[in-house]
């Protein structure tokens, strides 16, 4: 996770830090959901049964 969401030049309140981290997490989860939805639209290859993952 990058440190750019919480610059060290000026101290912030804990609530503001938490709000920024939650916003970043929400954005990451939204992107992950979009990627998942896109991959769910494609037909899976016959060999993709989950056993070949590392």
PDB file of N, CA and C in Angstrom:
ATOM      1  N   UNK A   1       0.849  -1.181   0.000  1.00  0.00           N
ATOM      2  CA  UNK A   1       0.000   0.000   0.000  1.00  0.00           C
ATOM      3  C   UNK A   1       0.886   1.233   0.000  1.00  0.00           C
ATOM      4  N   UNK A   2       0.557   2.214  -0.796  1.00  0.00           N
ATOM      5  CA  UNK A   2       1.398   3.388  -0.904  1.00  0.00           C
ATOM      6  C   UNK A   2       1.159   4.334   0.263  1.00  0.00           C
ATOM      7  N   UNK A   3       2.146   5.154   0.556  1.00  0.00           N
ATOM      8  CA  UNK A   3       2.061   6.099   1.667  1.00  0.00           C
ATOM      9  C   UNK A   3       1.564   7.466   1.222  1.00  0.00           C
ATOM     10  N   UNK A   4       1.225   7.638  -0.054  1.00  0.00           N
ATOM     11  CA  UNK A   4       0.833   8.945  -0.553  1.00  0.00           C
ATOM     12  C   UNK A   4      -0.510   9.418  -0.004  1.00  0.00           C
ATOM     13  N   UNK A   5      -1.321   8.513   0.525  1.00  0.00           N
ATOM     14  CA  UNK A   5      -2.622   8.900   1.066  1.00  0.00           C
ATOM     15  C   UNK A   5      -2.473   9.652   2.386  1.00  0.00           C
ATOM     16  N   UNK A   6      -1.342   9.491   3.059  1.00  0.00           N
ATOM     17  CA  UNK A   6      -1.132  10.147   4.342  1.00  0.00           C
ATOM     18  C   UNK A   6       0.211  10.876   4.311  1.00  0.00           C
ATOM     19  N   UNK A   7       0.228  12.114   3.780  1.00  0.00           N
ATOM     20  CA  UNK A   7       1.493  12.857   3.727  1.00  0.00           C
ATOM     21  C   UNK A   7       1.987  13.188   5.129  1.00  0.00           C
ATOM     22  N   UNK A   8       3.304  13.200   5.304  1.00  0.00           N
ATOM     23  CA  UNK A   8       3.878  13.423   6.628  1.00  0.00           C
ATOM     24  C   UNK A   8       4.147  14.897   6.901  1.00  0.00           C
ATOM     25  N   UNK A   9       3.843  15.793   5.963  1.00  0.00           N
ATOM     26  CA  UNK A   9       4.141  17.207   6.141  1.00  0.00           C
ATOM     27  C   UNK A   9       3.234  17.867   7.179  1.00  0.00           C
ATOM     28  N   UNK A  10       2.041  17.350   7.366  1.00  0.00           N
ATOM     29  CA  UNK A  10       1.103  17.945   8.313  1.00  0.00           C
ATOM     30  C   UNK A  10       0.345  16.827   9.021  1.00  0.00           C
ATOM     31  N   UNK A  11       0.363  16.829  10.355  1.00  0.00           N
ATOM     32  CA  UNK A  11      -0.353  15.780  11.065  1.00  0.00           C
ATOM     33  C   UNK A  11      -1.855  15.879  10.849  1.00  0.00           C
ATOM     34  N   UNK A  12      -2.508  14.736  10.756  1.00  0.00           N
ATOM     35  CA  UNK A  12      -3.951  14.709  10.551  1.00  0.00           C
ATOM     36  C   UNK A  12      -4.599  13.996  11.716  1.00  0.00           C
ATOM     37  N   UNK A  13      -5.869  14.299  11.897  1.00  0.00           N
ATOM     38  CA  UNK A  13      -6.613  13.596  12.920  1.00  0.00           C
ATOM     39  C   UNK A  13      -6.834  12.155  12.529  1.00  0.00           C
ATOM     40  N   UNK A  14      -7.028  11.312  13.510  1.00  0.00           N
ATOM     41  CA  UNK A  14      -7.233   9.890  13.252  1.00  0.00           C
ATOM     42  C   UNK A  14      -8.472   9.664  12.393  1.00  0.00           C
ATOM     43  N   UNK A  15      -9.525  10.413  12.656  1.00  0.00           N
ATOM     44  CA  UNK A  15     -10.746  10.241  11.878  1.00  0.00           C
ATOM     45  C   UNK A  15     -10.510  10.568  10.406  1.00  0.00           C
ATOM     46  N   UNK A  16      -9.773  11.651  10.138  1.00  0.00           N
ATOM     47  CA  UNK A  16      -9.496  12.013   8.747  1.00  0.00           C
ATOM     48  C   UNK A  16      -8.643  10.961   8.069  1.00  0.00           C
ATOM     49  N   UNK A  17      -7.655  10.426   8.782  1.00  0.00           N
ATOM     50  CA  UNK A  17      -6.826   9.362   8.221  1.00  0.00           C
ATOM     51  C   UNK A  17      -7.671   8.138   7.901  1.00  0.00           C
ATOM     52  N   UNK A  18      -8.562   7.776   8.824  1.00  0.00           N
ATOM     53  CA  UNK A  18      -9.409   6.608   8.606  1.00  0.00           C
ATOM     54  C   UNK A  18     -10.339   6.825   7.426  1.00  0.00           C
ATOM     55  N   UNK A  19     -10.884   8.025   7.292  1.00  0.00           N
ATOM     56  CA  UNK A  19     -11.766   8.315   6.157  1.00  0.00           C
ATOM     57  C   UNK A  19     -11.012   8.196   4.833  1.00  0.00           C
ATOM     58  N   UNK A  20      -9.792   8.693   4.789  1.00  0.00           N
ATOM     59  CA  UNK A  20      -8.993   8.605   3.563  1.00  0.00           C
ATOM     60  C   UNK A  20      -8.638   7.145   3.246  1.00  0.00           C
ATOM     61  N   UNK A  21      -8.275   6.384   4.281  1.00  0.00           N
ATOM     62  CA  UNK A  21      -7.946   4.979   4.061  1.00  0.00           C
ATOM     63  C   UNK A  21      -9.173   4.195   3.611  1.00  0.00           C
ATOM     64  N   UNK A  22     -10.332   4.490   4.191  1.00  0.00           N
ATOM     65  CA  UNK A  22     -11.564   3.805   3.782  1.00  0.00           C
ATOM     66  C   UNK A  22     -11.925   4.167   2.344  1.00  0.00           C
ATOM     67  N   UNK A  23     -11.721   5.427   1.956  1.00  0.00           N
ATOM     68  CA  UNK A  23     -11.997   5.834   0.578  1.00  0.00           C
ATOM     69  C   UNK A  23     -11.071   5.102  -0.389  1.00  0.00           C
ATOM     70  N   UNK A  24      -9.800   4.975  -0.029  1.00  0.00           N
ATOM     71  CA  UNK A  24      -8.848   4.262  -0.879  1.00  0.00           C
ATOM     72  C   UNK A  24      -9.205   2.778  -0.958  1.00  0.00           C
ATOM     73  N   UNK A  25      -9.594   2.198   0.168  1.00  0.00           N
ATOM     74  CA  UNK A  25      -9.995   0.794   0.185  1.00  0.00           C
ATOM     75  C   UNK A  25     -11.241   0.582  -0.663  1.00  0.00           C
ATOM     76  N   UNK A  26     -12.195   1.493  -0.549  1.00  0.00           N
ATOM     77  CA  UNK A  26     -13.421   1.389  -1.331  1.00  0.00           C
ATOM     78  C   UNK A  26     -13.115   1.467  -2.824  1.00  0.00           C
ATOM     79  N   UNK A  27     -12.204   2.348  -3.206  1.00  0.00           N
ATOM     80  CA  UNK A  27     -11.823   2.468  -4.616  1.00  0.00           C
ATOM     81  C   UNK A  27     -11.156   1.176  -5.095  1.00  0.00           C
ATOM     82  N   UNK A  28     -10.285   0.604  -4.257  1.00  0.00           N
ATOM     83  CA  UNK A  28      -9.621  -0.646  -4.617  1.00  0.00           C
ATOM     84  C   UNK A  28     -10.635  -1.782  -4.767  1.00  0.00           C
ATOM     85  N   UNK A  29     -11.586  -1.841  -3.836  1.00  0.00           N
ATOM     86  CA  UNK A  29     -12.592  -2.896  -3.906  1.00  0.00           C
ATOM     87  C   UNK A  29     -13.504  -2.709  -5.112  1.00  0.00           C
ATOM     88  N   UNK A  30     -13.814  -1.473  -5.450  1.00  0.00           N
ATOM     89  CA  UNK A  30     -14.639  -1.218  -6.630  1.00  0.00           C
ATOM     90  C   UNK A  30     -13.922  -1.680  -7.894  1.00  0.00           C
ATOM     91  N   UNK A  31     -12.616  -1.418  -7.971  1.00  0.00           N
ATOM     92  CA  UNK A  31     -11.842  -1.862  -9.131  1.00  0.00           C
ATOM     93  C   UNK A  31     -11.758  -3.378  -9.170  1.00  0.00           C
ATOM     94  N   UNK A  32     -11.558  -3.987  -8.024  1.00  0.00           N
ATOM     95  CA  UNK A  32     -11.503  -5.446  -7.960  1.00  0.00           C
ATOM     96  C   UNK A  32     -12.838  -6.052  -8.387  1.00  0.00           C
ATOM     97  N   UNK A  33     -13.942  -5.450  -7.946  1.00  0.00           N
ATOM     98  CA  UNK A  33     -15.259  -5.940  -8.330  1.00  0.00           C
ATOM     99  C   UNK A  33     -15.469  -5.793  -9.836  1.00  0.00           C
ATOM    100  N   UNK A  34     -15.040  -4.663 -10.390  1.00  0.00           N
ATOM    101  CA  UNK A  34     -15.168  -4.463 -11.835  1.00  0.00           C
ATOM    102  C   UNK A  34     -14.355  -5.498 -12.597  1.00  0.00           C
ATOM    103  N   UNK A  35     -13.147  -5.774 -12.133  1.00  0.00           N
ATOM    104  CA  UNK A  35     -12.315  -6.800 -12.771  1.00  0.00           C
ATOM    105  C   UNK A  35     -12.967  -8.174 -12.665  1.00  0.00           C
ATOM    106  N   UNK A  36     -13.528  -8.462 -11.497  1.00  0.00           N
ATOM    107  CA  UNK A  36     -14.185  -9.754 -11.292  1.00  0.00           C
ATOM    108  C   UNK A  36     -15.410  -9.891 -12.190  1.00  0.00           C
ATOM    109  N   UNK A  37     -16.203  -8.847 -12.278  1.00  0.00           N
ATOM    110  CA  UNK A  37     -17.389  -8.889 -13.132  1.00  0.00           C
ATOM    111  C   UNK A  37     -16.991  -9.084 -14.595  1.00  0.00           C
ATOM    112  N   UNK A  38     -15.911  -8.427 -15.005  1.00  0.00           N
ATOM    113  CA  UNK A  38     -15.441  -8.557 -16.390  1.00  0.00           C
ATOM    114  C   UNK A  38     -14.965  -9.985 -16.656  1.00  0.00           C
ATOM    115  N   UNK A  39     -14.254 -10.571 -15.710  1.00  0.00           N
ATOM    116  CA  UNK A  39     -13.759 -11.930 -15.909  1.00  0.00           C
ATOM    117  C   UNK A  39     -14.899 -12.940 -15.841  1.00  0.00           C
ATOM    118  N   UNK A  40     -15.953 -12.642 -15.105  1.00  0.00           N
ATOM    119  CA  UNK A  40     -17.094 -13.552 -15.010  1.00  0.00           C
ATOM    120  C   UNK A  40     -17.881 -13.579 -16.311  1.00  0.00           C
ATOM    121  N   UNK A  41     -17.778 -12.526 -17.106  1.00  0.00           N
ATOM    122  CA  UNK A  41     -18.497 -12.469 -18.378  1.00  0.00           C
ATOM    123  C   UNK A  41     -17.837 -13.336 -19.444  1.00  0.00           C
ATOM    124  N   UNK A  42     -16.527 -13.601 -19.270  1.00  0.00           N
ATOM    125  CA  UNK A  42     -15.822 -14.449 -20.233  1.00  0.00           C
ATOM    126  C   UNK A  42     -16.008 -15.911 -19.861  1.00  0.00           C
ATOM    127  N   UNK A  43     -16.195 -16.771 -20.833  1.00  0.00           N
ATOM    128  CA  UNK A  43     -16.279 -18.198 -20.519  1.00  0.00           C
ATOM    129  C   UNK A  43     -14.923 -18.714 -20.020  1.00  0.00           C
ATOM    130  N   UNK A  44     -14.958 -19.488 -18.956  1.00  0.00           N
ATOM    131  CA  UNK A  44     -13.716 -20.018 -18.403  1.00  0.00           C
ATOM    132  C   UNK A  44     -13.193 -21.155 -19.264  1.00  0.00           C
ATOM    133  N   UNK A  45     -11.868 -21.273 -19.388  1.00  0.00           N
ATOM    134  CA  UNK A  45     -11.295 -22.407 -20.123  1.00  0.00           C
ATOM    135  C   UNK A  45     -11.642 -23.715 -19.422  1.00  0.00           C
ATOM    136  N   UNK A  46     -11.637 -24.801 -20.161  1.00  0.00           N
ATOM    137  CA  UNK A  46     -12.025 -26.098 -19.608  1.00  0.00           C
ATOM    138  C   UNK A  46     -11.112 -26.527 -18.476  1.00  0.00           C
ATOM    139  N   UNK A  47      -9.849 -26.101 -18.480  1.00  0.00           N
ATOM    140  CA  UNK A  47      -8.912 -26.510 -17.456  1.00  0.00           C
ATOM    141  C   UNK A  47      -8.974 -25.636 -16.211  1.00  0.00           C
ATOM    142  N   UNK A  48      -9.792 -24.613 -16.199  1.00  0.00           N
ATOM    143  CA  UNK A  48      -9.853 -23.677 -15.065  1.00  0.00           C
ATOM    144  C   UNK A  48     -10.828 -24.172 -14.013  1.00  0.00           C
ATOM    145  N   UNK A  49     -10.409 -25.180 -13.276  1.00  0.00           N
ATOM    146  CA  UNK A  49     -11.273 -25.701 -12.224  1.00  0.00           C
ATOM    147  C   UNK A  49     -10.780 -25.318 -10.839  1.00  0.00           C
ATOM    148  N   UNK A  50      -9.750 -24.450 -10.776  1.00  0.00           N
ATOM    149  CA  UNK A  50      -9.230 -23.961  -9.510  1.00  0.00           C
ATOM    150  C   UNK A  50      -8.083 -24.792  -8.963  1.00  0.00           C
ATOM    151  N   UNK A  51      -7.859 -25.989  -9.484  1.00  0.00           N
ATOM    152  CA  UNK A  51      -6.812 -26.848  -8.937  1.00  0.00           C
ATOM    153  C   UNK A  51      -5.424 -26.477  -9.471  1.00  0.00           C
ATOM    154  N   UNK A  52      -5.380 -25.680 -10.517  1.00  0.00           N
ATOM    155  CA  UNK A  52      -4.080 -25.328 -11.111  1.00  0.00           C
ATOM    156  C   UNK A  52      -3.537 -24.009 -10.560  1.00  0.00           C
ATOM    157  N   UNK A  53      -4.178 -23.443  -9.557  1.00  0.00           N
ATOM    158  CA  UNK A  53      -3.681 -22.186  -8.979  1.00  0.00           C
ATOM    159  C   UNK A  53      -2.563 -22.477  -7.986  1.00  0.00           C
ATOM    160  N   UNK A  54      -1.625 -21.530  -7.900  1.00  0.00           N
ATOM    161  CA  UNK A  54      -0.520 -21.720  -6.961  1.00  0.00           C
ATOM    162  C   UNK A  54      -0.710 -20.859  -5.756  1.00  0.00           C
TER     163      UNK A  54
END
